[in-house]
C-alpha atoms as a PDB file:
ATOM      1  CA  UNK A   1      87.688 220.315  59.787  1.00  0.00           C
ATOM      2  CA  UNK A   2      89.364 217.332  61.448  1.00  0.00           C
ATOM      3  CA  UNK A   3      90.421 214.204  59.568  1.00  0.00           C
ATOM      4  CA  UNK A   4      87.392 212.271  58.449  1.00  0.00           C
ATOM      5  CA  UNK A   5      86.919 208.608  59.422  1.00  0.00           C
ATOM      6  CA  UNK A   6      85.745 207.338  56.056  1.00  0.00           C
ATOM      7  CA  UNK A   7      86.029 203.554  55.772  1.00  0.00           C
ATOM      8  CA  UNK A   8      84.406 200.595  54.080  1.00  0.00           C
ATOM      9  CA  UNK A   9      83.288 197.843  56.447  1.00  0.00           C
ATOM     10  CA  UNK A  10      83.698 195.020  53.940  1.00  0.00           C
ATOM     11  CA  UNK A  11      87.486 195.326  54.234  1.00  0.00           C
ATOM     12  CA  UNK A  12      87.203 193.748  57.703  1.00  0.00           C
ATOM     13  CA  UNK A  13      85.479 190.650  56.324  1.00  0.00           C
ATOM     14  CA  UNK A  14      87.184 187.853  54.418  1.00  0.00           C
ATOM     15  CA  UNK A  15      86.547 187.483  50.728  1.00  0.00           C
ATOM     16  CA  UNK A  16      86.646 189.776  47.735  1.00  0.00           C
ATOM     17  CA  UNK A  17      83.161 191.330  47.872  1.00  0.00           C
ATOM     18  CA  UNK A  18      82.805 195.021  48.602  1.00  0.00           C
ATOM     19  CA  UNK A  19      80.236 197.758  48.289  1.00  0.00           C
ATOM     20  CA  UNK A  20      80.566 201.511  48.427  1.00  0.00           C
ATOM     21  CA  UNK A  21      76.876 202.178  49.173  1.00  0.00           C
ATOM     22  CA  UNK A  22      77.480 202.791  52.897  1.00  0.00           C
ATOM     23  CA  UNK A  23      80.463 204.978  52.090  1.00  0.00           C
ATOM     24  CA  UNK A  24      78.412 207.046  49.649  1.00  0.00           C
ATOM     25  CA  UNK A  25      75.681 207.514  52.261  1.00  0.00           C
ATOM     26  CA  UNK A  26      78.262 208.509  54.879  1.00  0.00           C
ATOM     27  CA  UNK A  27      79.784 211.021  52.445  1.00  0.00           C
ATOM     28  CA  UNK A  28      76.372 212.517  51.621  1.00  0.00           C
ATOM     29  CA  UNK A  29      75.520 212.819  55.324  1.00  0.00           C
ATOM     30  CA  UNK A  30      78.918 214.369  56.049  1.00  0.00           C
ATOM     31  CA  UNK A  31      78.386 216.929  53.308  1.00  0.00           C
ATOM     32  CA  UNK A  32      74.918 217.767  54.638  1.00  0.00           C
ATOM     33  CA  UNK A  33      76.201 218.136  58.217  1.00  0.00           C
ATOM     34  CA  UNK A  34      79.138 220.432  57.422  1.00  0.00           C
ATOM     35  CA  UNK A  35      79.908 223.765  55.869  1.00  0.00           C
ATOM     36  CA  UNK A  36      80.032 223.756  52.114  1.00  0.00           C
ATOM     37  CA  UNK A  37      83.159 225.881  51.759  1.00  0.00           C
ATOM     38  CA  UNK A  38      85.760 224.748  49.240  1.00  0.00           C
ATOM     39  CA  UNK A  39      88.180 223.363  51.838  1.00  0.00           C
ATOM     40  CA  UNK A  40      85.507 221.250  53.541  1.00  0.00           C
ATOM     41  CA  UNK A  41      84.353 219.837  50.211  1.00  0.00           C
ATOM     42  CA  UNK A  42      87.968 219.092  49.278  1.00  0.00           C
ATOM     43  CA  UNK A  43      88.530 217.345  52.632  1.00  0.00           C
ATOM     44  CA  UNK A  44      85.424 215.213  52.170  1.00  0.00           C
ATOM     45  CA  UNK A  45      86.375 214.332  48.596  1.00  0.00           C
ATOM     46  CA  UNK A  46      89.895 213.388  49.678  1.00  0.00           C
ATOM     47  CA  UNK A  47      88.611 211.220  52.552  1.00  0.00           C
ATOM     48  CA  UNK A  48      86.190 209.490  50.170  1.00  0.00           C
ATOM     49  CA  UNK A  49      88.954 208.825  47.628  1.00  0.00           C
ATOM     50  CA  UNK A  50      91.259 207.551  50.369  1.00  0.00           C
ATOM     51  CA  UNK A  51      88.639 205.051  51.591  1.00  0.00           C
ATOM     52  CA  UNK A  52      87.905 203.811  48.055  1.00  0.00           C
ATOM     53  CA  UNK A  53      91.584 203.428  47.156  1.00  0.00           C
ATOM     54  CA  UNK A  54      92.348 201.640  50.441  1.00  0.00           C
ATOM     55  CA  UNK A  55      89.445 199.261  49.827  1.00  0.00           C
ATOM     56  CA  UNK A  56      90.529 198.482  46.271  1.00  0.00           C
ATOM     57  CA  UNK A  57      94.131 197.932  47.358  1.00  0.00           C
ATOM     58  CA  UNK A  58      93.071 195.594  50.183  1.00  0.00           C
ATOM     59  CA  UNK A  59      90.819 193.587  47.871  1.00  0.00           C
ATOM     60  CA  UNK A  60      93.448 193.451  45.097  1.00  0.00           C
ATOM     61  CA  UNK A  61      96.067 192.195  47.559  1.00  0.00           C
ATOM     62  CA  UNK A  62      93.616 189.575  48.813  1.00  0.00           C
ATOM     63  CA  UNK A  63      92.816 188.467  45.250  1.00  0.00           C
ATOM     64  CA  UNK A  64      96.507 188.162  44.373  1.00  0.00           C
ATOM     65  CA  UNK A  65      97.104 186.172  47.570  1.00  0.00           C
ATOM     66  CA  UNK A  66      94.175 183.832  46.880  1.00  0.00           C
ATOM     67  CA  UNK A  67      95.276 183.209  43.305  1.00  0.00           C
ATOM     68  CA  UNK A  68      98.992 183.008  44.069  1.00  0.00           C
ATOM     69  CA  UNK A  69      99.744 185.686  41.478  1.00  0.00           C
ATOM     70  CA  UNK A  70     101.913 188.800  41.388  1.00  0.00           C
ATOM     71  CA  UNK A  71     100.530 190.503  38.286  1.00  0.00           C
ATOM     72  CA  UNK A  72      97.517 192.768  38.287  1.00  0.00           C
ATOM     73  CA  UNK A  73      95.602 194.463  35.465  1.00  0.00           C
ATOM     74  CA  UNK A  74      93.475 197.500  36.314  1.00  0.00           C
ATOM     75  CA  UNK A  75      91.101 198.968  33.734  1.00  0.00           C
ATOM     76  CA  UNK A  76      88.008 201.135  33.422  1.00  0.00           C
ATOM     77  CA  UNK A  77      87.461 204.667  34.609  1.00  0.00           C
ATOM     78  CA  UNK A  78      88.921 204.046  38.066  1.00  0.00           C
ATOM     79  CA  UNK A  79      92.266 203.072  36.538  1.00  0.00           C
ATOM     80  CA  UNK A  80      92.884 206.741  35.668  1.00  0.00           C
ATOM     81  CA  UNK A  81      93.103 207.671  39.365  1.00  0.00           C
ATOM     82  CA  UNK A  82      96.719 208.568  40.119  1.00  0.00           C
ATOM     83  CA  UNK A  83      96.427 207.838  43.839  1.00  0.00           C
ATOM     84  CA  UNK A  84      95.110 204.332  43.102  1.00  0.00           C
ATOM     85  CA  UNK A  85      97.949 203.767  40.638  1.00  0.00           C
ATOM     86  CA  UNK A  86     100.531 204.842  43.235  1.00  0.00           C
ATOM     87  CA  UNK A  87      99.068 202.572  45.903  1.00  0.00           C
ATOM     88  CA  UNK A  88      98.831 199.538  43.589  1.00  0.00           C
ATOM     89  CA  UNK A  89     102.339 200.189  42.257  1.00  0.00           C
ATOM     90  CA  UNK A  90     103.685 200.025  45.838  1.00  0.00           C
ATOM     91  CA  UNK A  91     101.592 196.916  46.584  1.00  0.00           C
ATOM     92  CA  UNK A  92     102.807 194.963  43.564  1.00  0.00           C
ATOM     93  CA  UNK A  93     106.436 196.093  43.903  1.00  0.00           C
ATOM     94  CA  UNK A  94     106.473 194.804  47.515  1.00  0.00           C
ATOM     95  CA  UNK A  95     105.336 191.427  46.160  1.00  0.00           C
ATOM     96  CA  UNK A  96     107.941 191.417  43.408  1.00  0.00           C
ATOM     97  CA  UNK A  97     105.152 191.754  40.856  1.00  0.00           C
ATOM     98  CA  UNK A  98     103.748 194.158  38.305  1.00  0.00           C
ATOM     99  CA  UNK A  99     100.594 196.127  37.705  1.00  0.00           C
ATOM    100  CA  UNK A 100      99.385 197.108  34.233  1.00  0.00           C
ATOM    101  CA  UNK A 101      97.078 199.982  33.263  1.00  0.00           C
ATOM    102  CA  UNK A 102      95.864 201.394  29.976  1.00  0.00           C
ATOM    103  CA  UNK A 103      97.096 204.857  29.054  1.00  0.00           C
ATOM    104  CA  UNK A 104      94.898 207.501  30.753  1.00  0.00           C
ATOM    105  CA  UNK A 105      93.133 208.409  27.513  1.00  0.00           C
ATOM    106  CA  UNK A 106      91.849 204.825  27.353  1.00  0.00           C
ATOM    107  CA  UNK A 107      90.619 204.771  30.975  1.00  0.00           C
ATOM    108  CA  UNK A 108      87.024 205.486  30.152  1.00  0.00           C
ATOM    109  CA  UNK A 109      83.853 204.716  31.996  1.00  0.00           C
ATOM    110  CA  UNK A 110      81.754 201.964  30.429  1.00  0.00           C
ATOM    111  CA  UNK A 111      78.610 204.028  30.958  1.00  0.00           C
ATOM    112  CA  UNK A 112      79.798 206.594  28.419  1.00  0.00           C
ATOM    113  CA  UNK A 113      80.552 203.851  25.888  1.00  0.00           C
ATOM    114  CA  UNK A 114      77.129 202.266  26.368  1.00  0.00           C
ATOM    115  CA  UNK A 115      75.405 205.650  26.023  1.00  0.00           C
ATOM    116  CA  UNK A 116      77.329 206.353  22.804  1.00  0.00           C
ATOM    117  CA  UNK A 117      76.415 202.947  21.376  1.00  0.00           C
ATOM    118  CA  UNK A 118      72.768 203.582  22.272  1.00  0.00           C
ATOM    119  CA  UNK A 119      72.853 206.987  20.588  1.00  0.00           C
ATOM    120  CA  UNK A 120      74.264 205.436  17.413  1.00  0.00           C
ATOM    121  CA  UNK A 121      71.511 202.793  17.412  1.00  0.00           C
ATOM    122  CA  UNK A 122      68.829 205.449  17.834  1.00  0.00           C
ATOM    123  CA  UNK A 123      70.325 207.496  14.980  1.00  0.00           C
ATOM    124  CA  UNK A 124      70.102 204.353  12.821  1.00  0.00           C
ATOM    125  CA  UNK A 125      66.426 203.944  13.664  1.00  0.00           C
ATOM    126  CA  UNK A 126      66.931 200.978  15.981  1.00  0.00           C
ATOM    127  CA  UNK A 127      64.405 201.190  18.799  1.00  0.00           C
ATOM    128  CA  UNK A 128      64.214 197.585  19.979  1.00  0.00           C
ATOM    129  CA  UNK A 129      65.099 196.708  23.559  1.00  0.00           C
ATOM    130  CA  UNK A 130      67.849 194.311  24.465  1.00  0.00           C
ATOM    131  CA  UNK A 131      65.390 191.593  25.492  1.00  0.00           C
ATOM    132  CA  UNK A 132      66.542 191.490  29.090  1.00  0.00           C
ATOM    133  CA  UNK A 133      64.442 192.237  32.129  1.00  0.00           C
ATOM    134  CA  UNK A 134      66.553 194.203  34.608  1.00  0.00           C
ATOM    135  CA  UNK A 135      66.820 192.650  38.040  1.00  0.00           C
ATOM    136  CA  UNK A 136      68.447 194.707  40.810  1.00  0.00           C
ATOM    137  CA  UNK A 137      70.961 192.680  42.835  1.00  0.00           C
ATOM    138  CA  UNK A 138      70.796 189.856  40.309  1.00  0.00           C
ATOM    139  CA  UNK A 139      72.958 187.028  41.713  1.00  0.00           C
ATOM    140  CA  UNK A 140      75.778 186.219  39.309  1.00  0.00           C
ATOM    141  CA  UNK A 141      75.484 182.490  39.916  1.00  0.00           C
ATOM    142  CA  UNK A 142      71.993 182.517  38.365  1.00  0.00           C
ATOM    143  CA  UNK A 143      73.002 184.111  35.056  1.00  0.00           C
ATOM    144  CA  UNK A 144      73.630 180.766  33.362  1.00  0.00           C
ATOM    145  CA  UNK A 145      70.167 179.635  34.418  1.00  0.00           C
ATOM    146  CA  UNK A 146      68.303 182.510  32.741  1.00  0.00           C
ATOM    147  CA  UNK A 147      65.311 181.128  30.894  1.00  0.00           C
ATOM    148  CA  UNK A 148      62.874 182.592  28.416  1.00  0.00           C
ATOM    149  CA  UNK A 149      60.511 183.688  31.212  1.00  0.00           C
ATOM    150  CA  UNK A 150      63.079 186.208  32.425  1.00  0.00           C
ATOM    151  CA  UNK A 151      63.543 187.917  29.054  1.00  0.00           C
ATOM    152  CA  UNK A 152      61.309 190.203  27.083  1.00  0.00           C
ATOM    153  CA  UNK A 153      60.671 189.431  23.441  1.00  0.00           C
END
C-alpha cells in the first residue's frame, strides 16, 4: 500500500480550532476500501497518528506564537503518545522553550475517570442526574449565559 494522504484541513486555516471528524471519516473509508491485512491496518493507523500529531504540533506552535510563550503543558490521554512527545519536544527546543508532560501512568483519558466516578455514585445509591441538558456543538461563549430553562431539575 502506498503512503496515505491523511491530513486535517483546519491546519490550513488561521486560528486554533481543529476537528478530527473528517479525518476519522477518511480513515474509516480507507479501511473499508482496502485489504484488512495486518500491514494495511498498521499503515492506516500510522497515517492517522501522523496526521493527528502534525495537527496538534501546528496548533500548539500557533498558540505559543499567539501568546508569546515558549512553555507548553500537555496532559490527558493523548500526552502518553511517544510520537507526539517527540514532535513537541523538537518544536519547543527550536523555540528555546520547554514542554511538560505527566508521567505516562498519569496520562489517562477523562472518560475513564468520569465512568469510574459514575460507578461509585451508583454503588452509593445516587441516581440523580447532573441537572444539565446536553447540547451537541454547544458554543463555549454561551456557557456563562446558561439559565434555568436550559437545565433539568
